[in-house]
Amino acid sequence: HGMTITTVVVKPKSRGWVRLRSADPA
């Protein structure tokens, strides 16, 4: 029994990326 409070940064400055793993659409 307990409680979790999650805190979230609502306007983050950090930026990441998405790249292809291969040319295979799967």
PDB file of all heavy atoms in Angstrom:
ATOM      1  N   HIS A   1       0.848  -1.191   0.000  1.00  0.00           N
ATOM      2  CA  HIS A   1       0.000   0.000   0.000  1.00  0.00           C
ATOM      3  C   HIS A   1       0.887   1.246   0.000  1.00  0.00           C
ATOM      4  O   HIS A   1       1.856   1.330   0.761  1.00  0.00           O
ATOM      5  CB  HIS A   1      -0.903   0.020   1.238  1.00  0.00           C
ATOM      6  CG  HIS A   1      -1.865  -1.132   1.291  1.00  0.00           C
ATOM      7  ND1 HIS A   1      -3.076  -1.121   0.645  1.00  0.00           N
ATOM      8  CD2 HIS A   1      -1.779  -2.339   1.911  1.00  0.00           C
ATOM      9  CE1 HIS A   1      -3.709  -2.264   0.869  1.00  0.00           C
ATOM     10  NE2 HIS A   1      -2.937  -3.027   1.637  1.00  0.00           N
ATOM     11  N   GLY A   2       0.555   2.196  -0.831  1.00  0.00           N
ATOM     12  CA  GLY A   2       1.350   3.412  -0.864  1.00  0.00           C
ATOM     13  C   GLY A   2       0.876   4.374  -1.931  1.00  0.00           C
ATOM     14  O   GLY A   2      -0.213   4.230  -2.503  1.00  0.00           O
ATOM     15  N   MET A   3       1.706   5.347  -2.214  1.00  0.00           N
ATOM     16  CA  MET A   3       1.388   6.371  -3.197  1.00  0.00           C
ATOM     17  C   MET A   3       2.637   6.737  -3.971  1.00  0.00           C
ATOM     18  O   MET A   3       3.740   6.799  -3.411  1.00  0.00           O
ATOM     19  CB  MET A   3       0.832   7.622  -2.512  1.00  0.00           C
ATOM     20  CG  MET A   3       0.622   8.809  -3.466  1.00  0.00           C
ATOM     21  SD  MET A   3       0.260  10.350  -2.606  1.00  0.00           S
ATOM     22  CE  MET A   3      -1.457  10.081  -2.213  1.00  0.00           C
ATOM     23  N   THR A   4       2.450   7.008  -5.264  1.00  0.00           N
ATOM     24  CA  THR A   4       3.512   7.525  -6.116  1.00  0.00           C
ATOM     25  C   THR A   4       3.088   8.886  -6.654  1.00  0.00           C
ATOM     26  O   THR A   4       1.965   9.036  -7.147  1.00  0.00           O
ATOM     27  CB  THR A   4       3.789   6.577  -7.293  1.00  0.00           C
ATOM     28  OG1 THR A   4       4.143   5.286  -6.783  1.00  0.00           O
ATOM     29  CG2 THR A   4       4.916   7.107  -8.167  1.00  0.00           C
ATOM     30  N   ILE A   5       3.961   9.851  -6.532  1.00  0.00           N
ATOM     31  CA  ILE A   5       3.768  11.139  -7.193  1.00  0.00           C
ATOM     32  C   ILE A   5       4.852  11.253  -8.248  1.00  0.00           C
ATOM     33  O   ILE A   5       6.047  11.195  -7.927  1.00  0.00           O
ATOM     34  CB  ILE A   5       3.850  12.319  -6.213  1.00  0.00           C
ATOM     35  CG1 ILE A   5       2.736  12.246  -5.176  1.00  0.00           C
ATOM     36  CG2 ILE A   5       3.777  13.655  -6.981  1.00  0.00           C
ATOM     37  CD1 ILE A   5       2.828  13.326  -4.105  1.00  0.00           C
ATOM     38  N   THR A   6       4.451  11.378  -9.502  1.00  0.00           N
ATOM     39  CA  THR A   6       5.427  11.588 -10.558  1.00  0.00           C
ATOM     40  C   THR A   6       5.499  13.071 -10.888  1.00  0.00           C
ATOM     41  O   THR A   6       4.477  13.744 -11.007  1.00  0.00           O
ATOM     42  CB  THR A   6       5.079  10.806 -11.827  1.00  0.00           C
ATOM     43  OG1 THR A   6       3.784  11.182 -12.297  1.00  0.00           O
ATOM     44  CG2 THR A   6       5.095   9.317 -11.570  1.00  0.00           C
ATOM     45  N   THR A   7       6.709  13.580 -10.994  1.00  0.00           N
ATOM     46  CA  THR A   7       6.912  14.974 -11.369  1.00  0.00           C
ATOM     47  C   THR A   7       7.410  15.020 -12.812  1.00  0.00           C
ATOM     48  O   THR A   7       8.254  14.220 -13.223  1.00  0.00           O
ATOM     49  CB  THR A   7       7.909  15.668 -10.436  1.00  0.00           C
ATOM     50  OG1 THR A   7       9.171  14.980 -10.472  1.00  0.00           O
ATOM     51  CG2 THR A   7       7.395  15.673  -9.005  1.00  0.00           C
ATOM     52  N   VAL A   8       6.874  15.967 -13.574  1.00  0.00           N
ATOM     53  CA  VAL A   8       7.118  16.054 -15.010  1.00  0.00           C
ATOM     54  C   VAL A   8       7.539  17.480 -15.357  1.00  0.00           C
ATOM     55  O   VAL A   8       6.873  18.444 -14.948  1.00  0.00           O
ATOM     56  CB  VAL A   8       5.847  15.689 -15.796  1.00  0.00           C
ATOM     57  CG1 VAL A   8       6.076  15.826 -17.295  1.00  0.00           C
ATOM     58  CG2 VAL A   8       5.379  14.283 -15.441  1.00  0.00           C
ATOM     59  N   VAL A   9       8.634  17.634 -16.091  1.00  0.00           N
ATOM     60  CA  VAL A   9       9.042  18.948 -16.603  1.00  0.00           C
ATOM     61  C   VAL A   9       8.188  19.248 -17.835  1.00  0.00           C
ATOM     62  O   VAL A   9       8.248  18.522 -18.830  1.00  0.00           O
ATOM     63  CB  VAL A   9      10.532  18.965 -16.949  1.00  0.00           C
ATOM     64  CG1 VAL A   9      10.934  20.314 -17.545  1.00  0.00           C
ATOM     65  CG2 VAL A   9      11.374  18.667 -15.716  1.00  0.00           C
ATOM     66  N   VAL A  10       7.374  20.315 -17.762  1.00  0.00           N
ATOM     67  CA  VAL A  10       6.364  20.518 -18.803  1.00  0.00           C
ATOM     68  C   VAL A  10       6.888  21.220 -20.054  1.00  0.00           C
ATOM     69  O   VAL A  10       6.304  21.084 -21.133  1.00  0.00           O
ATOM     70  CB  VAL A  10       5.138  21.282 -18.257  1.00  0.00           C
ATOM     71  CG1 VAL A  10       4.422  20.464 -17.204  1.00  0.00           C
ATOM     72  CG2 VAL A  10       5.506  22.656 -17.737  1.00  0.00           C
ATOM     73  N   LYS A  11       7.977  21.982 -19.952  1.00  0.00           N
ATOM     74  CA  LYS A  11       8.544  22.641 -21.132  1.00  0.00           C
ATOM     75  C   LYS A  11      10.032  22.325 -21.219  1.00  0.00           C
ATOM     76  O   LYS A  11      10.895  23.184 -21.052  1.00  0.00           O
ATOM     77  CB  LYS A  11       8.319  24.153 -21.078  1.00  0.00           C
ATOM     78  CG  LYS A  11       6.859  24.578 -21.030  1.00  0.00           C
ATOM     79  CD  LYS A  11       6.098  24.204 -22.299  1.00  0.00           C
ATOM     80  CE  LYS A  11       6.428  25.117 -23.439  1.00  0.00           C
ATOM     81  NZ  LYS A  11       5.527  24.824 -24.606  1.00  0.00           N
ATOM     82  N   PRO A  12      10.363  21.054 -21.484  1.00  0.00           N
ATOM     83  CA  PRO A  12      11.774  20.656 -21.483  1.00  0.00           C
ATOM     84  C   PRO A  12      12.562  21.301 -22.622  1.00  0.00           C
ATOM     85  O   PRO A  12      12.043  21.550 -23.714  1.00  0.00           O
ATOM     86  CB  PRO A  12      11.707  19.135 -21.663  1.00  0.00           C
ATOM     87  CG  PRO A  12      10.394  18.896 -22.333  1.00  0.00           C
ATOM     88  CD  PRO A  12       9.468  19.937 -21.803  1.00  0.00           C
ATOM     89  N   LYS A  13      13.833  21.546 -22.346  1.00  0.00           N
ATOM     90  CA  LYS A  13      14.753  22.094 -23.354  1.00  0.00           C
ATOM     91  C   LYS A  13      15.538  20.999 -24.075  1.00  0.00           C
ATOM     92  O   LYS A  13      16.064  21.221 -25.165  1.00  0.00           O
ATOM     93  CB  LYS A  13      15.716  23.071 -22.684  1.00  0.00           C
ATOM     94  CG  LYS A  13      15.047  24.290 -22.063  1.00  0.00           C
ATOM     95  CD  LYS A  13      16.079  25.231 -21.449  1.00  0.00           C
ATOM     96  CE  LYS A  13      15.413  26.435 -20.779  1.00  0.00           C
ATOM     97  NZ  LYS A  13      14.649  27.246 -21.761  1.00  0.00           N
ATOM     98  N   SER A  14      15.644  19.831 -23.463  1.00  0.00           N
ATOM     99  CA  SER A  14      16.411  18.736 -24.055  1.00  0.00           C
ATOM    100  C   SER A  14      15.781  18.299 -25.378  1.00  0.00           C
ATOM    101  O   SER A  14      14.555  18.244 -25.510  1.00  0.00           O
ATOM    102  CB  SER A  14      16.452  17.541 -23.106  1.00  0.00           C
ATOM    103  OG  SER A  14      17.023  17.891 -21.867  1.00  0.00           O
ATOM    104  N   ARG A  15      16.654  17.977 -26.334  1.00  0.00           N
ATOM    105  CA  ARG A  15      16.188  17.511 -27.639  1.00  0.00           C
ATOM    106  C   ARG A  15      16.937  16.249 -28.026  1.00  0.00           C
ATOM    107  O   ARG A  15      18.143  16.123 -27.799  1.00  0.00           O
ATOM    108  CB  ARG A  15      16.399  18.581 -28.720  1.00  0.00           C
ATOM    109  CG  ARG A  15      15.542  19.844 -28.532  1.00  0.00           C
ATOM    110  CD  ARG A  15      14.066  19.540 -28.695  1.00  0.00           C
ATOM    111  NE  ARG A  15      13.230  20.724 -28.637  1.00  0.00           N
ATOM    112  CZ  ARG A  15      12.693  21.213 -27.520  1.00  0.00           C
ATOM    113  NH1 ARG A  15      12.937  20.623 -26.350  1.00  0.00           N
ATOM    114  NH2 ARG A  15      11.906  22.278 -27.566  1.00  0.00           N
ATOM    115  N   GLY A  16      16.207  15.328 -28.648  1.00  0.00           N
ATOM    116  CA  GLY A  16      16.801  14.084 -29.106  1.00  0.00           C
ATOM    117  C   GLY A  16      16.588  13.899 -30.589  1.00  0.00           C
ATOM    118  O   GLY A  16      16.408  14.870 -31.331  1.00  0.00           O
ATOM    119  N   TRP A  17      16.569  12.650 -31.032  1.00  0.00           N
ATOM    120  CA  TRP A  17      16.476  12.387 -32.461  1.00  0.00           C
ATOM    121  C   TRP A  17      15.888  11.012 -32.749  1.00  0.00           C
ATOM    122  O   TRP A  17      15.855  10.126 -31.885  1.00  0.00           O
ATOM    123  CB  TRP A  17      17.848  12.507 -33.129  1.00  0.00           C
ATOM    124  CG  TRP A  17      18.990  11.848 -32.397  1.00  0.00           C
ATOM    125  CD1 TRP A  17      19.878  12.436 -31.563  1.00  0.00           C
ATOM    126  CD2 TRP A  17      19.342  10.445 -32.418  1.00  0.00           C
ATOM    127  NE1 TRP A  17      20.777  11.516 -31.072  1.00  0.00           N
ATOM    128  CE2 TRP A  17      20.470  10.288 -31.592  1.00  0.00           C
ATOM    129  CE3 TRP A  17      18.823   9.332 -33.071  1.00  0.00           C
ATOM    130  CZ2 TRP A  17      21.081   9.046 -31.386  1.00  0.00           C
ATOM    131  CZ3 TRP A  17      19.425   8.094 -32.872  1.00  0.00           C
ATOM    132  CH2 TRP A  17      20.544   7.960 -32.032  1.00  0.00           C
ATOM    133  N   VAL A  18      15.421  10.864 -33.983  1.00  0.00           N
ATOM    134  CA  VAL A  18      14.951   9.591 -34.535  1.00  0.00           C
ATOM    135  C   VAL A  18      15.728   9.339 -35.814  1.00  0.00           C
ATOM    136  O   VAL A  18      15.802  10.215 -36.686  1.00  0.00           O
ATOM    137  CB  VAL A  18      13.444   9.625 -34.846  1.00  0.00           C
ATOM    138  CG1 VAL A  18      13.001   8.323 -35.510  1.00  0.00           C
ATOM    139  CG2 VAL A  18      12.636   9.891 -33.584  1.00  0.00           C
ATOM    140  N   ARG A  19      16.308   8.153 -35.939  1.00  0.00           N
ATOM    141  CA  ARG A  19      17.069   7.797 -37.147  1.00  0.00           C
ATOM    142  C   ARG A  19      16.667   6.403 -37.609  1.00  0.00           C
ATOM    143  O   ARG A  19      16.151   5.594 -36.834  1.00  0.00           O
ATOM    144  CB  ARG A  19      18.579   7.823 -36.853  1.00  0.00           C
ATOM    145  CG  ARG A  19      19.096   9.209 -36.497  1.00  0.00           C
ATOM    146  CD  ARG A  19      20.551   9.169 -36.072  1.00  0.00           C
ATOM    147  NE  ARG A  19      20.985  10.482 -35.581  1.00  0.00           N
ATOM    148  CZ  ARG A  19      22.044  10.685 -34.806  1.00  0.00           C
ATOM    149  NH1 ARG A  19      22.801   9.645 -34.438  1.00  0.00           N
ATOM    150  NH2 ARG A  19      22.370  11.895 -34.400  1.00  0.00           N
ATOM    151  N   LEU A  20      16.941   6.136 -38.858  1.00  0.00           N
ATOM    152  CA  LEU A  20      16.684   4.806 -39.390  1.00  0.00           C
ATOM    153  C   LEU A  20      17.660   3.796 -38.790  1.00  0.00           C
ATOM    154  O   LEU A  20      18.831   4.100 -38.574  1.00  0.00           O
ATOM    155  CB  LEU A  20      16.841   4.801 -40.908  1.00  0.00           C
ATOM    156  CG  LEU A  20      15.802   5.585 -41.717  1.00  0.00           C
ATOM    157  CD1 LEU A  20      16.173   5.545 -43.192  1.00  0.00           C
ATOM    158  CD2 LEU A  20      14.405   5.029 -41.503  1.00  0.00           C
ATOM    159  N   ARG A  21      17.152   2.605 -38.548  1.00  0.00           N
ATOM    160  CA  ARG A  21      18.020   1.493 -38.147  1.00  0.00           C
ATOM    161  C   ARG A  21      18.580   0.795 -39.388  1.00  0.00           C
ATOM    162  O   ARG A  21      19.700   0.312 -39.397  1.00  0.00           O
ATOM    163  CB  ARG A  21      17.227   0.502 -37.293  1.00  0.00           C
ATOM    164  CG  ARG A  21      18.054  -0.572 -36.623  1.00  0.00           C
ATOM    165  CD  ARG A  21      17.186  -1.451 -35.744  1.00  0.00           C
ATOM    166  NE  ARG A  21      16.509  -0.684 -34.712  1.00  0.00           N
ATOM    167  CZ  ARG A  21      17.026  -0.367 -33.526  1.00  0.00           C
ATOM    168  NH1 ARG A  21      18.260  -0.747 -33.234  1.00  0.00           N
ATOM    169  NH2 ARG A  21      16.322   0.322 -32.655  1.00  0.00           N
ATOM    170  N   SER A  22      17.747   0.741 -40.423  1.00  0.00           N
ATOM    171  CA  SER A  22      18.134   0.131 -41.692  1.00  0.00           C
ATOM    172  C   SER A  22      17.140   0.603 -42.738  1.00  0.00           C
ATOM    173  O   SER A  22      16.217   1.367 -42.444  1.00  0.00           O
ATOM    174  CB  SER A  22      18.114  -1.401 -41.584  1.00  0.00           C
ATOM    175  OG  SER A  22      16.782  -1.885 -41.593  1.00  0.00           O
ATOM    176  N   ALA A  23      17.284   0.123 -43.945  1.00  0.00           N
ATOM    177  CA  ALA A  23      16.330   0.428 -45.011  1.00  0.00           C
ATOM    178  C   ALA A  23      15.151  -0.539 -45.012  1.00  0.00           C
ATOM    179  O   ALA A  23      14.251  -0.421 -45.852  1.00  0.00           O
ATOM    180  CB  ALA A  23      17.026   0.385 -46.369  1.00  0.00           C
ATOM    181  N   ASP A  24      15.124  -1.465 -44.085  1.00  0.00           N
ATOM    182  CA  ASP A  24      14.036  -2.443 -43.984  1.00  0.00           C
ATOM    183  C   ASP A  24      12.851  -1.794 -43.270  1.00  0.00           C
ATOM    184  O   ASP A  24      12.960  -1.432 -42.091  1.00  0.00           O
ATOM    185  CB  ASP A  24      14.511  -3.675 -43.213  1.00  0.00           C
ATOM    186  CG  ASP A  24      13.457  -4.774 -43.147  1.00  0.00           C
ATOM    187  OD1 ASP A  24      12.296  -4.529 -43.544  1.00  0.00           O
ATOM    188  OD2 ASP A  24      13.791  -5.879 -42.692  1.00  0.00           O
ATOM    189  N   PRO A  25      11.693  -1.656 -43.925  1.00  0.00           N
ATOM    190  CA  PRO A  25      10.542  -1.011 -43.271  1.00  0.00           C
ATOM    191  C   PRO A  25      10.063  -1.738 -42.022  1.00  0.00           C
ATOM    192  O   PRO A  25       9.373  -1.137 -41.184  1.00  0.00           O
ATOM    193  CB  PRO A  25       9.463  -1.026 -44.363  1.00  0.00           C
ATOM    194  CG  PRO A  25      10.215  -1.144 -45.648  1.00  0.00           C
ATOM    195  CD  PRO A  25      11.411  -1.993 -45.328  1.00  0.00           C
ATOM    196  N   ALA A  26      10.406  -3.017 -41.876  1.00  0.00           N
ATOM    197  CA  ALA A  26       9.973  -3.771 -40.691  1.00  0.00           C
ATOM    198  C   ALA A  26      10.775  -3.411 -39.449  1.00  0.00           C
ATOM    199  O   ALA A  26      10.349  -3.698 -38.322  1.00  0.00           O
ATOM    200  CB  ALA A  26      10.069  -5.266 -40.958  1.00  0.00           C
TER     201      ALA A  26
END
